[in-house]
Structure formats: structure tokens, C-alpha cells
Amino acid sequence: MTKTAALAGATYVLLGLRNLRRHPRRTLLTLVSLVVGFAALTFLGAVQQGLHNDLRDNALLTLSGHLQVHATGFALSSQIQHHIPDPGLVIQALQGLPDIAAWSPRLQTSGLASVATASTSVQLLGIDRAREPQLSRLAASVVSGAWLTAADAQGLLLGQHLVEMLGVRLGDKVILMAQTPAGELVSELFRLRGILRAGVPEVDHALAVIPLATAQRMLGLAQGVTDVVIRATRHDVADVVWEHVRRALPTAEYEVLRWSEINPLLQQRLEVGDVFATFVLLIVVVVVVVEALNVMLMALHERTHELGLMEALGTRKDQLFLMILWESVLLVMSGCLGGYGLGALISLYLQRTGIDLTHAAEAVTFVYLSPVLRPVVTWQSAVHLIGLTCGVALLAALYPAWKATRLQPVAALRQR
């Protein structure tokens, strides 16, 4: 019985191929339209994935990292009073944990930057100059001047918009003022050594970076830091790392925050972007499916006499149903696979060369996007895209196949 079923299935496939070859022009036009539709769908999906990854990575790897360890209460208050007196226990806990690419201590607080003619509020950030380049892209964001050096304890990096607002140049003196945990105002003189342009508003518009040891001395914190920032080896293991770090530290003294808790606005942007992209992709899927259904119904109308003759000669309705269905299956699958292949090739090429958006650089960098967009093709997106589109298209093919079984042989034979 199994062998008979297999032979019957093979027969339907052969009949489907024969019927498609009988009308080469119609078949070719249909295939071309399906391939173009699926290629566009694939490319849109790759662009959306590229936008998603770019937005996420630029926001996380430029500054915040995947995880942050704070003293309990700091995330809620952002006050320097809630600092970690000695990060030794945290650093010891991180040693040997899997999937951690880098970590670095930081000291951050709000402050004021001023020169003779202007002043502005800043986010003061003390960093470990040796470890920070392994953790974030801050060092790569220096567009003028140089990264902080070990010999320059009073070196300063400022975001580009801060430099423009203060009207300073490399080598100029800048006074930084901040408040100690005891509430005292302290200030020190720094020299501008580098200008940051990261395409991230938090960096370009607000960040003032100084050496960690200098920030600790200035604020009277000895070895104290406000956070230890962690970068995971891959974004998809960040939650696993968070669980490991959370278990390794006493919850009464420390809070371990994931990137979605550190930057909830970014999480919302990503979710909204995914919903919008899904909506657009569904519209394209519907257009492709309607096109395929329209072609199938036209083919059915042209073959009414043929199908009526087949039924009059003894072909069962279920056999007619399977024959039409297999034709649709072969047509849609060929268009789907061909279109995905074409769309994937275009996407992979543009992934290597990039899509230049420098003409809109100000607009894209404000939302954490790089001036060069690179589409991303993944196996997950391939399975999702091909499965969804082919599934919907094949469901649509059930209607023409069912309609073929409703033909009356006598009436069908009269139609030419």
C-alpha cells in the first residue's frame, strides 16, 4: 500500500510538470512575477534584520554594554552616594564565568563643564583607559585628537556637540565640577585631548570622559565605582550571563541589570520596529499570494473544457483536486525558492558593500543607526520567510483546486 501511494504521488508530480510545460509563456510569466515578489520580500526581511541589529549593537556596544552591576539602589536614584566602595568582590565573581567577552569598572555622575565664555551640564564618566576599548566603542569614536593615555591624569574627552557648545579646541583648558557623596562641590582643571562622535546622543551631546583614578580622587571615593559594565560574547547569550552574574553576587548588596532594564526605550524601539516590519512583510506576502491565486484561477478558467473532459472520461474529483493542487505546489515552491535565492544573493552582496546613507547621516545617527546599512540574512529568517509565504500561498491554492471539483462535466464540455 505504501508503494502504491508513492507511485500515485509521483504521478501527480509528473502530471503537474507536464501541465506547466504545456503553457510555457504563462508559466514563465507567473514564475518571474513570483520570483520578483519573493526576492523583494527576502530583501525587505534582510534590511529589517540589519536595521534591528545595527540599532541594538550601536546602542549597547557604544556605551551601556549588555549588563551592568551596581550597588543596590543606584539604578533607581542614579546618585553617587549609592556606589560600590570596592569592586574587588564583583571582579572576583566575574573571573571564570562563561560567555563574558569583557568587563570594566566605571564611575559616573552628573557634573558641569565650563570655560571662560560658556558652561553646560555633562555626564561625567571615569573609565579604565586600558580595559574600556575591549568593552565599548568609545575609543573608536575619537574623531579628533587621541584616546586617554596613562601619563595624562588630567586628560579629557568630550562629545562633539559639547565641544561646539563650549567653543573649545584640542589642548584647551576645561573645568569640570561635580558633587561628592558628602554633598561638597569639587572642581578640577582638565585638558581636552580628544573629541567623540559616536552617533549616539548620550555620547555626542552629554559625555565627558576622564581617567577612572582621577575621577575617584576628585570625588573622594578611593577605590569606589558606580558600576561594572559587562559585554557578552554574543547578544543572544546576554540573558545567560545575567543569570550567572546574578547568582554569583549577593542580591542584598548588588543589583545586576540587563540591557533592556538599563535602556527600556531601546527595547521599546526594537519591539515597535519588529511590529512595523512584520506588518510591511505581511502586506507584501498578501500581494504575492493574491497574484499567485489570480494566475491559478485564470489557468483554471482556460482549462475548463479539458477538466470537464477528464471528469467525463472517469477521472475522480479527488484526483482532479490533487492534480491542480500539485501544479500550484510546484509553481509556488519554484517561485519561492528562486525568489529567496535571488533576494539572498542581493542581500549578501549589499551586506559586504553596504548601503550608503551618509546623505541622511544626521537623521540616522540620532536613532543609533550607522551611516552604512548592511542587510543581514540568517537561517532563522529563511525558515520563517519561506515557511510563512509558501504556507499561505499553498493555502490559497486550495481554492482553485476545490473549484475544479465543482465543475459539471456537461457544462464544462460546452465551454471552449
Protein backbone atom coordinates (compact mmCIF):
# COMPACT_ATOMS: atom_id res chain seq x y z
CA MET A 1 0.00 0.00 0.00
CA THR A 2 2.90 2.38 0.76
CA LYS A 3 4.44 1.74 -2.64
CA THR A 4 1.12 2.49 -4.39
CA ALA A 5 0.75 5.78 -2.52
CA ALA A 6 4.29 6.76 -3.50
CA LEU A 7 3.63 5.93 -7.15
CA ALA A 8 0.39 7.92 -7.05
CA GLY A 9 2.24 10.91 -5.60
CA ALA A 10 4.93 10.68 -8.27
CA THR A 11 2.22 10.53 -10.94
CA TYR A 12 0.65 13.74 -9.70
CA VAL A 13 4.06 15.44 -9.74
CA LEU A 14 4.67 14.34 -13.32
CA LEU A 15 1.20 15.49 -14.37
CA GLY A 16 1.83 18.85 -12.72
CA LEU A 17 5.13 19.30 -14.54
CA ARG A 18 3.55 18.28 -17.86
CA ASN A 19 0.68 20.71 -17.46
CA LEU A 20 3.04 23.55 -16.55
CA ARG A 21 5.16 22.85 -19.64
CA ARG A 22 2.09 22.89 -21.88
CA HIS A 23 1.79 26.66 -21.38
CA PRO A 24 5.41 27.83 -21.17
CA ARG A 25 4.68 31.55 -21.62
CA ARG A 26 2.07 31.67 -18.89
CA THR A 27 4.23 29.55 -16.59
CA LEU A 28 7.30 31.70 -17.22
CA LEU A 29 5.44 34.96 -16.61
CA THR A 30 3.98 33.57 -13.41
CA LEU A 31 7.38 32.34 -12.21
CA VAL A 32 9.01 35.69 -12.97
CA SER A 33 6.35 37.57 -11.01
CA LEU A 34 6.64 35.15 -8.08
CA VAL A 35 10.44 35.29 -8.08
CA VAL A 36 10.41 39.10 -8.09
CA GLY A 37 7.83 39.17 -5.29
CA PHE A 38 9.73 36.68 -3.12
CA ALA A 39 13.05 38.41 -3.84
CA ALA A 40 11.59 41.73 -2.69
CA LEU A 41 10.18 40.04 0.39
CA THR A 42 13.55 38.45 1.21
CA PHE A 43 15.40 41.73 0.72
CA LEU A 44 12.96 43.63 2.93
CA GLY A 45 13.39 41.00 5.64
CA ALA A 46 17.20 41.24 5.42
CA VAL A 47 17.11 45.04 5.60
CA GLN A 48 14.82 44.89 8.61
CA GLN A 49 17.16 42.44 10.37
CA GLY A 50 20.13 44.65 9.54
CA LEU A 51 18.36 47.71 10.96
CA HIS A 52 17.42 45.76 14.08
CA ASN A 53 20.99 44.54 14.69
CA ASP A 54 22.53 47.92 13.90
CA LEU A 55 20.21 49.80 16.22
CA ARG A 56 20.79 47.31 19.04
CA ASP A 57 24.56 46.98 18.71
CA ASN A 58 25.23 50.70 18.28
CA ALA A 59 23.26 51.50 21.40
CA LEU A 60 24.69 48.69 23.54
CA LEU A 61 28.30 48.41 22.42
CA THR A 62 28.94 52.14 22.18
CA LEU A 63 28.29 52.82 25.84
CA SER A 64 25.96 50.78 28.04
CA GLY A 65 27.12 47.18 27.49
CA HIS A 66 24.93 44.09 27.81
CA LEU A 67 24.90 44.09 31.63
CA GLN A 68 25.75 46.41 34.48
CA VAL A 69 26.44 45.67 38.15
CA HIS A 70 25.52 48.44 40.61
CA ALA A 71 25.24 48.83 44.33
CA THR A 72 21.65 48.30 45.42
CA GLY A 73 19.66 51.49 44.88
CA PHE A 74 21.88 53.14 42.28
CA ALA A 75 19.67 52.25 39.29
CA LEU A 76 16.70 53.95 40.92
CA SER A 77 18.46 57.05 42.26
CA SER A 78 21.47 57.48 39.92
CA GLN A 79 23.13 59.15 42.90
CA ILE A 80 26.82 58.71 43.58
CA GLN A 81 26.03 58.02 47.22
CA HIS A 82 24.92 54.56 46.09
CA HIS A 83 28.33 53.48 44.84
CA ILE A 84 30.32 50.28 45.17
CA PRO A 85 33.08 51.03 47.74
CA ASP A 86 35.37 48.32 46.39
CA PRO A 87 34.64 46.45 43.14
CA GLY A 88 37.02 43.63 44.11
CA LEU A 89 34.22 41.20 45.01
CA VAL A 90 32.43 41.88 41.72
CA ILE A 91 35.60 41.46 39.68
CA GLN A 92 36.43 38.23 41.51
CA ALA A 93 32.93 36.88 40.80
CA LEU A 94 33.30 37.64 37.09
CA GLN A 95 36.53 35.67 36.80
CA GLY A 96 35.88 32.34 35.11
CA LEU A 97 32.24 32.97 34.22
CA PRO A 98 31.40 31.79 30.67
CA ASP A 99 30.34 33.96 27.71
CA ILE A 100 31.87 37.19 29.07
CA ALA A 101 33.90 38.99 26.39
CA ALA A 102 34.99 41.97 28.51
CA TRP A 103 34.23 43.96 31.63
CA SER A 104 35.35 47.32 33.00
CA PRO A 105 34.68 49.44 36.11
CA ARG A 106 33.26 52.92 35.71
CA LEU A 107 32.44 55.93 37.80
CA GLN A 108 29.63 58.13 36.54
CA THR A 109 27.87 61.16 37.92
CA SER A 110 26.32 64.38 36.69
CA GLY A 111 28.50 67.45 36.54
CA LEU A 112 29.24 70.80 34.93
CA ALA A 113 31.82 71.66 32.28
CA SER A 114 32.84 75.28 31.95
CA VAL A 115 35.29 77.55 30.17
CA ALA A 116 35.74 81.32 30.31
CA THR A 117 32.83 82.03 27.97
CA ALA A 118 30.37 79.15 28.42
CA SER A 119 29.27 76.28 30.61
CA THR A 120 26.97 73.27 30.24
CA SER A 121 25.85 70.21 32.15
CA VAL A 122 27.62 66.94 31.36
CA GLN A 123 27.55 63.28 32.28
CA LEU A 124 30.92 62.77 33.90
CA LEU A 125 32.36 59.31 33.22
CA GLY A 126 35.54 57.92 34.74
CA ILE A 127 36.86 54.95 32.77
CA ASP A 128 39.68 52.44 32.93
CA ARG A 129 41.60 53.56 29.83
CA ALA A 130 43.14 50.09 29.29
CA ARG A 131 40.01 47.97 29.68
CA GLU A 132 37.43 50.29 28.11
CA PRO A 133 38.46 49.67 24.44
CA GLN A 134 37.76 45.94 24.93
CA LEU A 135 34.32 46.72 26.32
CA SER A 136 32.91 49.56 24.23
CA ARG A 137 33.40 51.57 21.05
CA LEU A 138 34.29 54.79 22.86
CA ALA A 139 37.96 54.60 21.83
CA ALA A 140 36.94 54.04 18.19
CA SER A 141 34.64 57.07 18.44
CA VAL A 142 37.52 59.53 18.85
CA VAL A 143 37.35 61.52 15.60
CA SER A 144 39.87 64.16 16.53
CA GLY A 145 42.76 64.05 18.98
CA ALA A 146 43.65 60.85 20.80
CA TRP A 147 42.46 58.34 23.39
CA LEU A 148 43.45 58.91 27.02
CA THR A 149 46.99 57.91 27.98
CA ALA A 150 48.37 56.57 31.26
CA ALA A 151 50.72 59.53 31.64
CA ASP A 152 47.95 62.14 31.31
CA ALA A 153 45.92 62.12 34.52
CA GLN A 154 44.09 65.32 33.57
CA GLY A 155 43.18 64.29 30.03
CA LEU A 156 39.58 64.84 28.90
CA LEU A 157 37.38 63.58 26.07
CA LEU A 158 34.20 65.46 25.15
CA GLY A 159 31.30 64.70 22.82
CA GLN A 160 31.31 66.67 19.59
CA HIS A 161 28.22 68.74 20.41
CA LEU A 162 29.66 69.64 23.81
CA VAL A 163 32.84 70.87 22.12
CA GLU A 164 30.78 73.03 19.78
CA MET A 165 28.66 74.36 22.63
CA LEU A 166 31.69 75.28 24.75
CA GLY A 167 33.65 76.58 21.77
CA VAL A 168 36.86 74.77 22.73
CA ARG A 169 39.64 73.15 20.71
CA LEU A 170 42.13 70.37 21.38
CA GLY A 171 44.54 71.33 24.16
CA ASP A 172 42.21 73.94 25.67
CA LYS A 173 41.53 74.03 29.41
CA VAL A 174 38.12 72.88 30.67
CA ILE A 175 36.97 72.96 34.28
CA LEU A 176 34.83 70.04 35.46
CA MET A 177 32.69 70.41 38.56
CA ALA A 178 30.81 67.66 40.42
CA GLN A 179 29.38 66.80 43.83
CA THR A 180 30.96 64.31 46.22
CA PRO A 181 28.87 61.75 48.15
CA ALA A 182 29.06 64.12 51.14
CA GLY A 183 27.46 66.90 49.09
CA GLU A 184 30.56 69.04 48.64
CA LEU A 185 31.23 70.70 45.30
CA VAL A 186 34.64 69.94 43.84
CA SER A 187 36.27 71.08 40.61
CA GLU A 188 39.45 70.34 38.68
CA LEU A 189 41.16 71.60 35.56
CA PHE A 190 41.46 69.29 32.56
CA ARG A 191 42.91 69.48 29.06
CA LEU A 192 40.82 68.49 26.06
CA ARG A 193 42.65 65.59 24.40
CA GLY A 194 40.02 64.12 22.11
CA ILE A 195 36.60 64.69 20.55
CA LEU A 196 33.99 61.90 20.49
CA ARG A 197 31.46 61.34 17.73
CA ALA A 198 29.62 58.04 18.20
CA GLY A 199 26.29 58.76 16.53
CA VAL A 200 24.67 58.19 19.93
CA PRO A 201 23.04 61.22 21.60
CA GLU A 202 24.19 60.20 25.10
CA VAL A 203 27.80 60.38 23.93
CA ASP A 204 27.83 63.25 21.44
CA HIS A 205 25.60 65.61 23.44
CA ALA A 206 26.46 64.90 27.07
CA LEU A 207 29.56 62.77 27.78
CA ALA A 208 32.76 63.99 29.44
CA VAL A 209 35.31 61.17 29.85
CA ILE A 210 38.24 61.28 32.27
CA PRO A 211 40.57 58.61 33.75
CA LEU A 212 38.96 56.48 36.45
CA ALA A 213 41.72 57.12 39.01
CA THR A 214 41.36 60.86 38.56
CA ALA A 215 37.57 60.70 39.00
CA GLN A 216 37.95 58.62 42.16
CA ARG A 217 40.47 61.06 43.65
CA MET A 218 38.43 64.10 42.62
CA LEU A 219 35.24 62.76 44.23
CA GLY A 220 36.98 61.22 47.26
CA LEU A 221 35.88 57.65 46.57
CA ALA A 222 39.24 55.84 46.97
CA GLN A 223 38.60 52.59 45.02
CA GLY A 224 34.87 53.22 44.65
CA VAL A 225 32.96 52.89 41.39
CA THR A 226 29.31 53.26 40.47
CA ASP A 227 29.09 50.31 38.09
CA VAL A 228 30.92 47.40 36.50
CA VAL A 229 29.87 47.09 32.86
CA ILE A 230 29.90 43.69 31.14
CA ARG A 231 29.95 42.77 27.46
CA ALA A 232 28.75 39.29 26.46
CA THR A 233 30.44 37.30 23.70
CA ARG A 234 27.17 37.37 21.74
CA HIS A 235 23.93 39.24 22.15
CA ASP A 236 21.85 36.05 22.35
CA VAL A 237 23.73 34.82 25.46
CA ALA A 238 23.31 38.07 27.43
CA ASP A 239 20.44 36.65 29.48
CA VAL A 240 22.51 33.57 30.36
CA VAL A 241 25.40 35.77 31.50
CA TRP A 242 22.96 37.87 33.54
CA GLU A 243 21.76 34.74 35.34
CA HIS A 244 25.34 33.63 36.10
CA VAL A 245 26.38 37.03 37.43
CA ARG A 246 23.21 37.42 39.48
CA ARG A 247 23.80 34.08 41.18
CA ALA A 248 27.47 34.87 41.86
CA LEU A 249 26.75 38.10 43.77
CA PRO A 250 24.77 38.72 46.98
CA THR A 251 21.46 40.29 45.99
CA ALA A 252 21.30 42.38 49.16
CA GLU A 253 24.37 44.39 48.15
CA TYR A 254 24.31 44.37 44.37
CA GLU A 255 21.82 44.72 41.54
CA VAL A 256 22.55 43.21 38.13
CA LEU A 257 20.67 44.87 35.28
CA ARG A 258 20.17 43.63 31.74
CA TRP A 259 20.41 45.99 28.79
CA SER A 260 16.62 46.09 28.45
CA GLU A 261 16.38 47.38 32.05
CA ILE A 262 19.22 49.86 31.58
CA ASN A 263 17.74 51.24 28.36
CA PRO A 264 14.00 50.41 28.22
CA LEU A 265 13.47 52.98 25.47
CA LEU A 266 15.78 50.99 23.19
CA GLN A 267 13.82 47.82 23.95
CA GLN A 268 10.59 49.60 23.01
CA ARG A 269 12.13 50.92 19.78
CA LEU A 270 13.23 47.43 18.79
CA GLU A 271 9.81 45.96 19.54
CA VAL A 272 7.99 48.69 17.63
CA GLY A 273 10.39 48.25 14.72
CA ASP A 274 9.73 44.50 14.66
CA VAL A 275 5.96 45.02 14.68
CA PHE A 276 6.13 47.58 11.88
CA ALA A 277 8.44 45.37 9.79
CA THR A 278 6.16 42.38 10.29
CA PHE A 279 3.18 44.46 9.17
CA VAL A 280 5.00 45.54 6.00
CA LEU A 281 6.13 41.98 5.25
CA LEU A 282 2.60 40.67 5.70
CA ILE A 283 1.34 43.22 3.15
CA VAL A 284 3.94 42.00 0.65
CA VAL A 285 3.02 38.37 1.39
CA VAL A 286 -0.64 39.11 0.73
CA VAL A 287 0.22 40.83 -2.57
CA VAL A 288 2.30 37.84 -3.69
CA VAL A 289 -0.36 35.34 -2.66
CA VAL A 290 -3.15 37.26 -4.39
CA GLU A 291 -1.05 37.38 -7.53
CA ALA A 292 -0.46 33.62 -7.42
CA LEU A 293 -4.15 32.95 -6.75
CA ASN A 294 -5.20 35.16 -9.64
CA VAL A 295 -2.92 33.29 -12.05
CA MET A 296 -4.20 29.93 -10.85
CA LEU A 297 -7.83 30.96 -11.30
CA MET A 298 -7.12 32.24 -14.82
CA ALA A 299 -5.43 28.95 -15.69
CA LEU A 300 -8.40 27.05 -14.30
CA HIS A 301 -10.79 29.09 -16.44
CA GLU A 302 -8.78 28.38 -19.59
CA ARG A 303 -8.79 24.64 -18.85
CA THR A 304 -12.47 24.25 -18.02
CA HIS A 305 -13.16 22.18 -21.17
CA GLU A 306 -10.10 19.98 -20.50
CA LEU A 307 -11.07 19.33 -16.89
CA GLY A 308 -14.67 18.58 -17.84
CA LEU A 309 -13.45 16.08 -20.44
CA MET A 310 -11.18 14.38 -17.90
CA GLU A 311 -14.07 14.02 -15.46
CA ALA A 312 -16.38 12.71 -18.18
CA LEU A 313 -13.78 10.04 -19.02
CA GLY A 314 -13.74 8.80 -15.44
CA THR A 315 -11.25 10.96 -13.52
CA ARG A 316 -12.40 11.24 -9.93
CA LYS A 317 -12.93 14.62 -8.26
CA ASP A 318 -10.27 13.92 -5.64
CA GLN A 319 -7.79 13.17 -8.42
CA LEU A 320 -8.65 16.48 -10.12
CA PHE A 321 -8.20 18.22 -6.77
CA LEU A 322 -4.74 16.71 -6.21
CA MET A 323 -3.65 17.37 -9.78
CA ILE A 324 -4.49 21.12 -9.58
CA LEU A 325 -3.04 21.33 -6.08
CA TRP A 326 0.26 19.77 -7.16
CA GLU A 327 0.54 22.19 -10.06
CA SER A 328 0.11 25.04 -7.61
CA VAL A 329 2.62 23.47 -5.21
CA LEU A 330 5.28 23.12 -7.90
CA LEU A 331 4.68 26.64 -9.24
CA VAL A 332 4.70 28.35 -5.84
CA MET A 333 7.66 26.38 -4.48
CA SER A 334 9.72 27.12 -7.59
CA GLY A 335 8.91 30.84 -7.37
CA CYS A 336 9.51 30.89 -3.61
CA LEU A 337 12.91 29.17 -3.70
CA GLY A 338 14.05 31.07 -6.79
CA GLY A 339 12.94 34.39 -5.30
CA TYR A 340 14.57 33.67 -1.96
CA GLY A 341 17.81 32.74 -3.70
CA LEU A 342 17.79 35.96 -5.72
CA GLY A 343 16.87 38.11 -2.71
CA ALA A 344 19.51 36.42 -0.54
CA LEU A 345 22.23 36.99 -3.17
CA ILE A 346 21.35 40.68 -3.44
CA SER A 347 21.26 40.99 0.36
CA LEU A 348 24.61 39.21 0.82
CA TYR A 349 26.22 41.43 -1.81
CA LEU A 350 24.90 44.58 -0.11
CA GLN A 351 25.93 43.15 3.26
CA ARG A 352 29.51 43.17 2.00
CA THR A 353 29.40 46.56 0.25
CA GLY A 354 26.81 48.26 2.47
CA ILE A 355 24.05 50.72 1.60
CA ASP A 356 25.41 54.24 1.93
CA LEU A 357 23.12 56.51 3.95
CA THR A 358 25.63 59.29 4.55
CA HIS A 359 23.35 61.78 2.78
CA ALA A 360 21.00 61.27 5.74
CA ALA A 361 23.71 60.88 8.37
CA GLU A 362 22.19 63.30 10.89
CA ALA A 363 18.82 61.58 10.73
CA VAL A 364 20.08 58.02 11.09
CA THR A 365 22.71 58.62 13.78
CA PHE A 366 20.14 60.28 16.01
CA VAL A 367 18.32 56.93 16.21
CA TYR A 368 21.53 54.89 16.74
CA LEU A 369 21.84 53.81 13.09
CA SER A 370 25.14 53.70 11.24
CA PRO A 371 25.54 55.73 8.03
CA VAL A 372 26.20 52.45 6.19
CA LEU A 373 23.38 49.90 6.41
CA ARG A 374 24.15 46.21 5.91
CA PRO A 375 21.28 43.75 5.29
CA VAL A 376 21.53 40.52 7.30
CA VAL A 377 20.47 37.09 6.03
CA THR A 378 20.01 34.36 8.64
CA TRP A 379 18.82 30.75 8.55
CA GLN A 380 16.09 31.63 11.01
CA SER A 381 14.74 34.33 8.72
CA ALA A 382 14.93 31.93 5.75
CA VAL A 383 12.88 29.27 7.52
CA HIS A 384 10.38 31.83 8.79
CA LEU A 385 10.03 33.65 5.48
CA ILE A 386 9.84 30.63 3.19
CA GLY A 387 7.61 28.71 5.58
CA LEU A 388 5.17 31.58 6.11
CA THR A 389 4.93 32.67 2.47
CA CYS A 390 4.74 29.20 0.94
CA GLY A 391 2.29 28.07 3.59
CA VAL A 392 -0.06 30.99 2.94
CA ALA A 393 0.31 30.64 -0.83
CA LEU A 394 -0.42 26.92 -0.73
CA LEU A 395 -3.47 27.51 1.43
CA ALA A 396 -4.65 29.95 -1.24
CA ALA A 397 -4.10 27.23 -3.85
CA LEU A 398 -6.69 25.06 -2.15
CA TYR A 399 -9.46 27.27 -3.53
CA PRO A 400 -8.72 26.73 -7.26
CA ALA A 401 -8.23 23.02 -6.59
CA TRP A 402 -11.57 22.84 -4.79
CA LYS A 403 -13.26 24.87 -7.52
CA ALA A 404 -12.06 22.34 -10.10
CA THR A 405 -14.01 19.64 -8.25
CA ARG A 406 -17.22 21.69 -8.52
CA LEU A 407 -17.25 21.69 -12.33
CA GLN A 408 -20.19 19.96 -14.03
CA PRO A 409 -18.80 17.80 -16.88
CA VAL A 410 -21.64 18.57 -19.33
CA ALA A 411 -21.43 22.35 -18.82
CA ALA A 412 -17.64 22.27 -18.86
CA LEU A 413 -17.56 20.39 -22.18
CA ARG A 414 -19.66 23.11 -23.82
CA GLN A 415 -17.09 25.77 -22.89
CA ARG A 416 -14.25 26.40 -25.36
